[in-house]
Amino acid sequence: MTPRPGMGMRGRLLLAQTLVLLAGGATTWVVASVVGPPLFREHLHQAGVEHNSNEQFHAEQAYQHATALSIAVAITVAASTAFVVTAY
């Protein structure tokens, strides 16, 4: 059997891992965006924070920034790991 011209095994593996990371990142982002804020808002209200208050606004901003940062760090670490594994 002769090897296929074009991308080698490393290139195909890196492409496959990239697609998995993109799908996982997009899924995580959608779920965190759809499920997280309403759940977080409900917990704020249970804790006595009023609807549309400054406290709720700032807490939701903090939640959004923390979520975005944690997803970005997780995807960066996963992508770096995939690259190292592929290069090895």
PDB file of N, CA and C in Angstrom:
ATOM      1  N   MET A   1       0.827  -1.170   0.000  1.00  0.00           N
ATOM      2  CA  MET A   1       0.000   0.000   0.000  1.00  0.00           C
ATOM      3  C   MET A   1       0.879   1.243   0.000  1.00  0.00           C
ATOM      4  N   THR A   2       0.597   2.154  -0.880  1.00  0.00           N
ATOM      5  CA  THR A   2       1.377   3.384  -0.927  1.00  0.00           C
ATOM      6  C   THR A   2       0.683   4.467  -0.119  1.00  0.00           C
ATOM      7  N   PRO A   3       1.463   5.325   0.519  1.00  0.00           N
ATOM      8  CA  PRO A   3       0.861   6.398   1.308  1.00  0.00           C
ATOM      9  C   PRO A   3       0.095   7.377   0.409  1.00  0.00           C
ATOM     10  N   ARG A   4      -0.958   7.939   0.967  1.00  0.00           N
ATOM     11  CA  ARG A   4      -1.743   8.940   0.230  1.00  0.00           C
ATOM     12  C   ARG A   4      -0.947  10.223   0.121  1.00  0.00           C
ATOM     13  N   PRO A   5      -0.978  10.839  -1.057  1.00  0.00           N
ATOM     14  CA  PRO A   5      -0.302  12.130  -1.171  1.00  0.00           C
ATOM     15  C   PRO A   5      -1.084  13.199  -0.404  1.00  0.00           C
ATOM     16  N   GLY A   6      -0.395  14.220  -0.006  1.00  0.00           N
ATOM     17  CA  GLY A   6      -1.066  15.291   0.733  1.00  0.00           C
ATOM     18  C   GLY A   6      -0.673  15.266   2.193  1.00  0.00           C
ATOM     19  N   MET A   7      -1.665  15.421   3.046  1.00  0.00           N
ATOM     20  CA  MET A   7      -1.401  15.470   4.486  1.00  0.00           C
ATOM     21  C   MET A   7      -0.913  14.121   4.997  1.00  0.00           C
ATOM     22  N   GLY A   8       0.081  14.183   5.848  1.00  0.00           N
ATOM     23  CA  GLY A   8       0.554  12.972   6.495  1.00  0.00           C
ATOM     24  C   GLY A   8      -0.305  12.648   7.708  1.00  0.00           C
ATOM     25  N   MET A   9       0.111  11.636   8.418  1.00  0.00           N
ATOM     26  CA  MET A   9      -0.637  11.198   9.597  1.00  0.00           C
ATOM     27  C   MET A   9      -0.713  12.305  10.650  1.00  0.00           C
ATOM     28  N   ARG A  10       0.389  13.010  10.871  1.00  0.00           N
ATOM     29  CA  ARG A  10       0.391  14.094  11.859  1.00  0.00           C
ATOM     30  C   ARG A  10      -0.588  15.201  11.476  1.00  0.00           C
ATOM     31  N   GLY A  11      -0.588  15.547  10.216  1.00  0.00           N
ATOM     32  CA  GLY A  11      -1.493  16.600   9.752  1.00  0.00           C
ATOM     33  C   GLY A  11      -2.953  16.209   9.912  1.00  0.00           C
ATOM     34  N   ARG A  12      -3.275  14.971   9.569  1.00  0.00           N
ATOM     35  CA  ARG A  12      -4.659  14.498   9.721  1.00  0.00           C
ATOM     36  C   ARG A  12      -5.048  14.429  11.190  1.00  0.00           C
ATOM     37  N   LEU A  13      -4.124  13.976  12.042  1.00  0.00           N
ATOM     38  CA  LEU A  13      -4.407  13.903  13.472  1.00  0.00           C
ATOM     39  C   LEU A  13      -4.625  15.301  14.049  1.00  0.00           C
ATOM     40  N   LEU A  14      -3.773  16.238  13.669  1.00  0.00           N
ATOM     41  CA  LEU A  14      -3.923  17.609  14.157  1.00  0.00           C
ATOM     42  C   LEU A  14      -5.239  18.215  13.671  1.00  0.00           C
ATOM     43  N   LEU A  15      -5.608  17.964  12.422  1.00  0.00           N
ATOM     44  CA  LEU A  15      -6.875  18.461  11.892  1.00  0.00           C
ATOM     45  C   LEU A  15      -8.053  17.857  12.654  1.00  0.00           C
ATOM     46  N   ALA A  16      -8.008  16.553  12.892  1.00  0.00           N
ATOM     47  CA  ALA A  16      -9.094  15.891  13.627  1.00  0.00           C
ATOM     48  C   ALA A  16      -9.203  16.446  15.046  1.00  0.00           C
ATOM     49  N   GLN A  17      -8.076  16.618  15.714  1.00  0.00           N
ATOM     50  CA  GLN A  17      -8.100  17.148  17.077  1.00  0.00           C
ATOM     51  C   GLN A  17      -8.593  18.596  17.092  1.00  0.00           C
ATOM     52  N   THR A  18      -8.233  19.357  16.083  1.00  0.00           N
ATOM     53  CA  THR A  18      -8.706  20.738  15.986  1.00  0.00           C
ATOM     54  C   THR A  18     -10.217  20.782  15.830  1.00  0.00           C
ATOM     55  N   LEU A  19     -10.757  19.908  14.981  1.00  0.00           N
ATOM     56  CA  LEU A  19     -12.210  19.856  14.795  1.00  0.00           C
ATOM     57  C   LEU A  19     -12.921  19.452  16.083  1.00  0.00           C
ATOM     58  N   VAL A  20     -12.352  18.493  16.804  1.00  0.00           N
ATOM     59  CA  VAL A  20     -12.947  18.074  18.083  1.00  0.00           C
ATOM     60  C   VAL A  20     -12.908  19.228  19.085  1.00  0.00           C
ATOM     61  N   LEU A  21     -11.784  19.935  19.152  1.00  0.00           N
ATOM     62  CA  LEU A  21     -11.673  21.078  20.067  1.00  0.00           C
ATOM     63  C   LEU A  21     -12.662  22.186  19.708  1.00  0.00           C
ATOM     64  N   LEU A  22     -12.815  22.459  18.426  1.00  0.00           N
ATOM     65  CA  LEU A  22     -13.768  23.488  18.005  1.00  0.00           C
ATOM     66  C   LEU A  22     -15.199  23.094  18.346  1.00  0.00           C
ATOM     67  N   ALA A  23     -15.542  21.840  18.088  1.00  0.00           N
ATOM     68  CA  ALA A  23     -16.896  21.369  18.417  1.00  0.00           C
ATOM     69  C   ALA A  23     -17.128  21.404  19.923  1.00  0.00           C
ATOM     70  N   GLY A  24     -16.154  20.951  20.685  1.00  0.00           N
ATOM     71  CA  GLY A  24     -16.279  20.969  22.142  1.00  0.00           C
ATOM     72  C   GLY A  24     -16.352  22.381  22.692  1.00  0.00           C
ATOM     73  N   GLY A  25     -15.530  23.268  22.156  1.00  0.00           N
ATOM     74  CA  GLY A  25     -15.548  24.661  22.594  1.00  0.00           C
ATOM     75  C   GLY A  25     -16.864  25.348  22.268  1.00  0.00           C
ATOM     76  N   ALA A  26     -17.365  25.120  21.056  1.00  0.00           N
ATOM     77  CA  ALA A  26     -18.642  25.724  20.663  1.00  0.00           C
ATOM     78  C   ALA A  26     -19.787  25.190  21.518  1.00  0.00           C
ATOM     79  N   THR A  27     -19.785  23.888  21.757  1.00  0.00           N
ATOM     80  CA  THR A  27     -20.833  23.286  22.584  1.00  0.00           C
ATOM     81  C   THR A  27     -20.774  23.834  24.006  1.00  0.00           C
ATOM     82  N   THR A  28     -19.583  23.908  24.558  1.00  0.00           N
ATOM     83  CA  THR A  28     -19.415  24.445  25.908  1.00  0.00           C
ATOM     84  C   THR A  28     -19.901  25.884  25.982  1.00  0.00           C
ATOM     85  N   TRP A  29     -19.539  26.678  24.992  1.00  0.00           N
ATOM     86  CA  TRP A  29     -19.927  28.086  24.976  1.00  0.00           C
ATOM     87  C   TRP A  29     -21.447  28.236  24.899  1.00  0.00           C
ATOM     88  N   VAL A  30     -22.089  27.450  24.027  1.00  0.00           N
ATOM     89  CA  VAL A  30     -23.549  27.543  23.880  1.00  0.00           C
ATOM     90  C   VAL A  30     -24.248  27.131  25.171  1.00  0.00           C
ATOM     91  N   VAL A  31     -23.823  26.008  25.741  1.00  0.00           N
ATOM     92  CA  VAL A  31     -24.461  25.536  26.977  1.00  0.00           C
ATOM     93  C   VAL A  31     -24.237  26.537  28.109  1.00  0.00           C
ATOM     94  N   ALA A  32     -23.018  27.049  28.236  1.00  0.00           N
ATOM     95  CA  ALA A  32     -22.731  28.024  29.293  1.00  0.00           C
ATOM     96  C   ALA A  32     -23.518  29.318  29.088  1.00  0.00           C
ATOM     97  N   SER A  33     -23.753  29.692  27.847  1.00  0.00           N
ATOM     98  CA  SER A  33     -24.507  30.914  27.561  1.00  0.00           C
ATOM     99  C   SER A  33     -26.005  30.741  27.766  1.00  0.00           C
ATOM    100  N   VAL A  34     -26.522  29.556  27.480  1.00  0.00           N
ATOM    101  CA  VAL A  34     -27.964  29.319  27.572  1.00  0.00           C
ATOM    102  C   VAL A  34     -28.376  28.913  28.983  1.00  0.00           C
ATOM    103  N   VAL A  35     -27.620  28.040  29.608  1.00  0.00           N
ATOM    104  CA  VAL A  35     -27.999  27.489  30.911  1.00  0.00           C
ATOM    105  C   VAL A  35     -27.481  28.344  32.066  1.00  0.00           C
ATOM    106  N   GLY A  36     -26.264  28.826  31.964  1.00  0.00           N
ATOM    107  CA  GLY A  36     -25.622  29.512  33.078  1.00  0.00           C
ATOM    108  C   GLY A  36     -26.292  30.775  33.573  1.00  0.00           C
ATOM    109  N   PRO A  37     -26.515  31.768  32.715  1.00  0.00           N
ATOM    110  CA  PRO A  37     -27.075  33.034  33.211  1.00  0.00           C
ATOM    111  C   PRO A  37     -28.429  32.912  33.916  1.00  0.00           C
ATOM    112  N   PRO A  38     -29.410  32.190  33.357  1.00  0.00           N
ATOM    113  CA  PRO A  38     -30.683  32.083  34.096  1.00  0.00           C
ATOM    114  C   PRO A  38     -30.522  31.383  35.447  1.00  0.00           C
ATOM    115  N   LEU A  39     -29.687  30.360  35.491  1.00  0.00           N
ATOM    116  CA  LEU A  39     -29.459  29.641  36.739  1.00  0.00           C
ATOM    117  C   LEU A  39     -28.762  30.547  37.756  1.00  0.00           C
ATOM    118  N   PHE A  40     -27.757  31.280  37.298  1.00  0.00           N
ATOM    119  CA  PHE A  40     -27.035  32.207  38.165  1.00  0.00           C
ATOM    120  C   PHE A  40     -27.972  33.299  38.678  1.00  0.00           C
ATOM    121  N   ARG A  41     -28.791  33.845  37.777  1.00  0.00           N
ATOM    122  CA  ARG A  41     -29.750  34.892  38.150  1.00  0.00           C
ATOM    123  C   ARG A  41     -30.731  34.385  39.206  1.00  0.00           C
ATOM    124  N   GLU A  42     -31.205  33.152  39.041  1.00  0.00           N
ATOM    125  CA  GLU A  42     -32.132  32.563  40.017  1.00  0.00           C
ATOM    126  C   GLU A  42     -31.469  32.434  41.389  1.00  0.00           C
ATOM    127  N   HIS A  43     -30.211  32.032  41.414  1.00  0.00           N
ATOM    128  CA  HIS A  43     -29.490  31.930  42.693  1.00  0.00           C
ATOM    129  C   HIS A  43     -29.315  33.307  43.343  1.00  0.00           C
ATOM    130  N   LEU A  44     -29.068  34.318  42.525  1.00  0.00           N
ATOM    131  CA  LEU A  44     -28.972  35.676  43.073  1.00  0.00           C
ATOM    132  C   LEU A  44     -30.289  36.091  43.726  1.00  0.00           C
ATOM    133  N   HIS A  45     -31.388  35.791  43.064  1.00  0.00           N
ATOM    134  CA  HIS A  45     -32.696  36.176  43.609  1.00  0.00           C
ATOM    135  C   HIS A  45     -33.009  35.397  44.884  1.00  0.00           C
ATOM    136  N   GLN A  46     -32.610  34.130  44.931  1.00  0.00           N
ATOM    137  CA  GLN A  46     -32.806  33.334  46.150  1.00  0.00           C
ATOM    138  C   GLN A  46     -31.970  33.890  47.303  1.00  0.00           C
ATOM    139  N   ALA A  47     -30.855  34.520  46.962  1.00  0.00           N
ATOM    140  CA  ALA A  47     -29.988  35.106  47.990  1.00  0.00           C
ATOM    141  C   ALA A  47     -30.450  36.503  48.405  1.00  0.00           C
ATOM    142  N   GLY A  48     -31.532  36.984  47.794  1.00  0.00           N
ATOM    143  CA  GLY A  48     -32.077  38.272  48.192  1.00  0.00           C
ATOM    144  C   GLY A  48     -31.667  39.450  47.337  1.00  0.00           C
ATOM    145  N   VAL A  49     -30.990  39.201  46.225  1.00  0.00           N
ATOM    146  CA  VAL A  49     -30.610  40.285  45.324  1.00  0.00           C
ATOM    147  C   VAL A  49     -31.822  40.621  44.457  1.00  0.00           C
ATOM    148  N   GLU A  50     -32.189  41.892  44.416  1.00  0.00           N
ATOM    149  CA  GLU A  50     -33.377  42.321  43.686  1.00  0.00           C
ATOM    150  C   GLU A  50     -33.170  42.260  42.172  1.00  0.00           C
ATOM    151  N   HIS A  51     -34.300  42.061  41.450  1.00  0.00           N
ATOM    152  CA  HIS A  51     -34.270  42.083  39.987  1.00  0.00           C
ATOM    153  C   HIS A  51     -33.794  43.451  39.506  1.00  0.00           C
ATOM    154  N   ASN A  52     -32.993  43.443  38.450  1.00  0.00           N
ATOM    155  CA  ASN A  52     -32.516  44.671  37.798  1.00  0.00           C
ATOM    156  C   ASN A  52     -31.804  45.641  38.742  1.00  0.00           C
ATOM    157  N   SER A  53     -31.178  45.128  39.777  1.00  0.00           N
ATOM    158  CA  SER A  53     -30.414  45.982  40.687  1.00  0.00           C
ATOM    159  C   SER A  53     -28.976  46.108  40.184  1.00  0.00           C
ATOM    160  N   ASN A  54     -28.255  47.072  40.734  1.00  0.00           N
ATOM    161  CA  ASN A  54     -26.840  47.225  40.388  1.00  0.00           C
ATOM    162  C   ASN A  54     -26.041  45.995  40.791  1.00  0.00           C
ATOM    163  N   GLU A  55     -26.398  45.405  41.923  1.00  0.00           N
ATOM    164  CA  GLU A  55     -25.700  44.205  42.382  1.00  0.00           C
ATOM    165  C   GLU A  55     -25.860  43.068  41.379  1.00  0.00           C
ATOM    166  N   GLN A  56     -27.090  42.885  40.891  1.00  0.00           N
ATOM    167  CA  GLN A  56     -27.333  41.823  39.911  1.00  0.00           C
ATOM    168  C   GLN A  56     -26.545  42.089  38.636  1.00  0.00           C
ATOM    169  N   PHE A  57     -26.544  43.333  38.179  1.00  0.00           N
ATOM    170  CA  PHE A  57     -25.822  43.697  36.962  1.00  0.00           C
ATOM    171  C   PHE A  57     -24.335  43.378  37.088  1.00  0.00           C
ATOM    172  N   HIS A  58     -23.723  43.794  38.192  1.00  0.00           N
ATOM    173  CA  HIS A  58     -22.287  43.571  38.376  1.00  0.00           C
ATOM    174  C   HIS A  58     -21.967  42.097  38.606  1.00  0.00           C
ATOM    175  N   ALA A  59     -22.824  41.395  39.309  1.00  0.00           N
ATOM    176  CA  ALA A  59     -22.607  39.960  39.518  1.00  0.00           C
ATOM    177  C   ALA A  59     -22.710  39.202  38.197  1.00  0.00           C
ATOM    178  N   GLU A  60     -23.657  39.578  37.347  1.00  0.00           N
ATOM    179  CA  GLU A  60     -23.791  38.922  36.047  1.00  0.00           C
ATOM    180  C   GLU A  60     -22.608  39.242  35.144  1.00  0.00           C
ATOM    181  N   GLN A  61     -22.103  40.469  35.213  1.00  0.00           N
ATOM    182  CA  GLN A  61     -20.899  40.814  34.450  1.00  0.00           C
ATOM    183  C   GLN A  61     -19.716  39.961  34.905  1.00  0.00           C
ATOM    184  N   ALA A  62     -19.559  39.827  36.204  1.00  0.00           N
ATOM    185  CA  ALA A  62     -18.468  39.005  36.738  1.00  0.00           C
ATOM    186  C   ALA A  62     -18.623  37.561  36.288  1.00  0.00           C
ATOM    187  N   TYR A  63     -19.840  37.052  36.312  1.00  0.00           N
ATOM    188  CA  TYR A  63     -20.103  35.677  35.870  1.00  0.00           C
ATOM    189  C   TYR A  63     -19.728  35.510  34.399  1.00  0.00           C
ATOM    190  N   GLN A  64     -20.143  36.451  33.551  1.00  0.00           N
ATOM    191  CA  GLN A  64     -19.845  36.365  32.122  1.00  0.00           C
ATOM    192  C   GLN A  64     -18.346  36.420  31.858  1.00  0.00           C
ATOM    193  N   HIS A  65     -17.642  37.317  32.547  1.00  0.00           N
ATOM    194  CA  HIS A  65     -16.194  37.415  32.349  1.00  0.00           C
ATOM    195  C   HIS A  65     -15.480  36.157  32.841  1.00  0.00           C
ATOM    196  N   ALA A  66     -15.896  35.651  33.988  1.00  0.00           N
ATOM    197  CA  ALA A  66     -15.270  34.436  34.520  1.00  0.00           C
ATOM    198  C   ALA A  66     -15.525  33.246  33.608  1.00  0.00           C
ATOM    199  N   THR A  67     -16.735  33.146  33.073  1.00  0.00           N
ATOM    200  CA  THR A  67     -17.059  32.051  32.158  1.00  0.00           C
ATOM    201  C   THR A  67     -16.224  32.148  30.889  1.00  0.00           C
ATOM    202  N   ALA A  68     -16.160  33.333  30.306  1.00  0.00           N
ATOM    203  CA  ALA A  68     -15.389  33.520  29.078  1.00  0.00           C
ATOM    204  C   ALA A  68     -13.910  33.216  29.301  1.00  0.00           C
ATOM    205  N   LEU A  69     -13.368  33.687  30.406  1.00  0.00           N
ATOM    206  CA  LEU A  69     -11.957  33.446  30.705  1.00  0.00           C
ATOM    207  C   LEU A  69     -11.678  31.967  30.928  1.00  0.00           C
ATOM    208  N   SER A  70     -12.528  31.298  31.681  1.00  0.00           N
ATOM    209  CA  SER A  70     -12.293  29.879  31.962  1.00  0.00           C
ATOM    210  C   SER A  70     -12.409  29.034  30.697  1.00  0.00           C
ATOM    211  N   ILE A  71     -13.358  29.356  29.822  1.00  0.00           N
ATOM    212  CA  ILE A  71     -13.487  28.610  28.564  1.00  0.00           C
ATOM    213  C   ILE A  71     -12.277  28.873  27.673  1.00  0.00           C
ATOM    214  N   ALA A  72     -11.828  30.124  27.603  1.00  0.00           N
ATOM    215  CA  ALA A  72     -10.661  30.452  26.782  1.00  0.00           C
ATOM    216  C   ALA A  72      -9.409  29.738  27.278  1.00  0.00           C
ATOM    217  N   VAL A  73      -9.207  29.709  28.584  1.00  0.00           N
ATOM    218  CA  VAL A  73      -8.039  29.016  29.145  1.00  0.00           C
ATOM    219  C   VAL A  73      -8.138  27.516  28.877  1.00  0.00           C
ATOM    220  N   ALA A  74      -9.307  26.939  29.081  1.00  0.00           N
ATOM    221  CA  ALA A  74      -9.481  25.498  28.862  1.00  0.00           C
ATOM    222  C   ALA A  74      -9.219  25.122  27.409  1.00  0.00           C
ATOM    223  N   ILE A  75      -9.732  25.912  26.473  1.00  0.00           N
ATOM    224  CA  ILE A  75      -9.516  25.614  25.056  1.00  0.00           C
ATOM    225  C   ILE A  75      -8.048  25.794  24.687  1.00  0.00           C
ATOM    226  N   THR A  76      -7.400  26.808  25.236  1.00  0.00           N
ATOM    227  CA  THR A  76      -5.978  27.024  24.961  1.00  0.00           C
ATOM    228  C   THR A  76      -5.132  25.861  25.466  1.00  0.00           C
ATOM    229  N   VAL A  77      -5.407  25.407  26.681  1.00  0.00           N
ATOM    230  CA  VAL A  77      -4.661  24.271  27.242  1.00  0.00           C
ATOM    231  C   VAL A  77      -4.930  23.010  26.425  1.00  0.00           C
ATOM    232  N   ALA A  78      -6.184  22.772  26.069  1.00  0.00           N
ATOM    233  CA  ALA A  78      -6.519  21.583  25.280  1.00  0.00           C
ATOM    234  C   ALA A  78      -5.862  21.632  23.904  1.00  0.00           C
ATOM    235  N   ALA A  79      -5.867  22.796  23.266  1.00  0.00           N
ATOM    236  CA  ALA A  79      -5.241  22.932  21.951  1.00  0.00           C
ATOM    237  C   ALA A  79      -3.731  22.745  22.039  1.00  0.00           C
ATOM    238  N   SER A  80      -3.113  23.301  23.060  1.00  0.00           N
ATOM    239  CA  SER A  80      -1.669  23.127  23.245  1.00  0.00           C
ATOM    240  C   SER A  80      -1.321  21.666  23.477  1.00  0.00           C
ATOM    241  N   THR A  81      -2.117  20.998  24.289  1.00  0.00           N
ATOM    242  CA  THR A  81      -1.889  19.577  24.551  1.00  0.00           C
ATOM    243  C   THR A  81      -2.043  18.766  23.274  1.00  0.00           C
ATOM    244  N   ALA A  82      -3.076  19.057  22.489  1.00  0.00           N
ATOM    245  CA  ALA A  82      -3.287  18.340  21.228  1.00  0.00           C
ATOM    246  C   ALA A  82      -2.112  18.558  20.283  1.00  0.00           C
ATOM    247  N   PHE A  83      -1.595  19.777  20.236  1.00  0.00           N
ATOM    248  CA  PHE A  83      -0.457  20.070  19.374  1.00  0.00           C
ATOM    249  C   PHE A  83       0.782  19.304  19.821  1.00  0.00           C
ATOM    250  N   VAL A  84       1.049  19.296  21.123  1.00  0.00           N
ATOM    251  CA  VAL A  84       2.221  18.585  21.645  1.00  0.00           C
ATOM    252  C   VAL A  84       2.103  17.084  21.379  1.00  0.00           C
ATOM    253  N   VAL A  85       0.919  16.528  21.613  1.00  0.00           N
ATOM    254  CA  VAL A  85       0.715  15.093  21.375  1.00  0.00           C
ATOM    255  C   VAL A  85       0.914  14.774  19.899  1.00  0.00           C
ATOM    256  N   THR A  86       0.414  15.624  19.021  1.00  0.00           N
ATOM    257  CA  THR A  86       0.566  15.396  17.584  1.00  0.00           C
ATOM    258  C   THR A  86       2.023  15.508  17.164  1.00  0.00           C
ATOM    259  N   ALA A  87       2.740  16.488  17.702  1.00  0.00           N
ATOM    260  CA  ALA A  87       4.143  16.680  17.343  1.00  0.00           C
ATOM    261  C   ALA A  87       5.027  15.559  17.874  1.00  0.00           C
ATOM    262  N   TYR A  88       4.611  14.948  18.982  1.00  0.00           N
ATOM    263  CA  TYR A  88       5.392  13.886  19.593  1.00  0.00           C
ATOM    264  C   TYR A  88       5.306  12.652  18.731  1.00  0.00           C
TER     265      TYR A  88
END
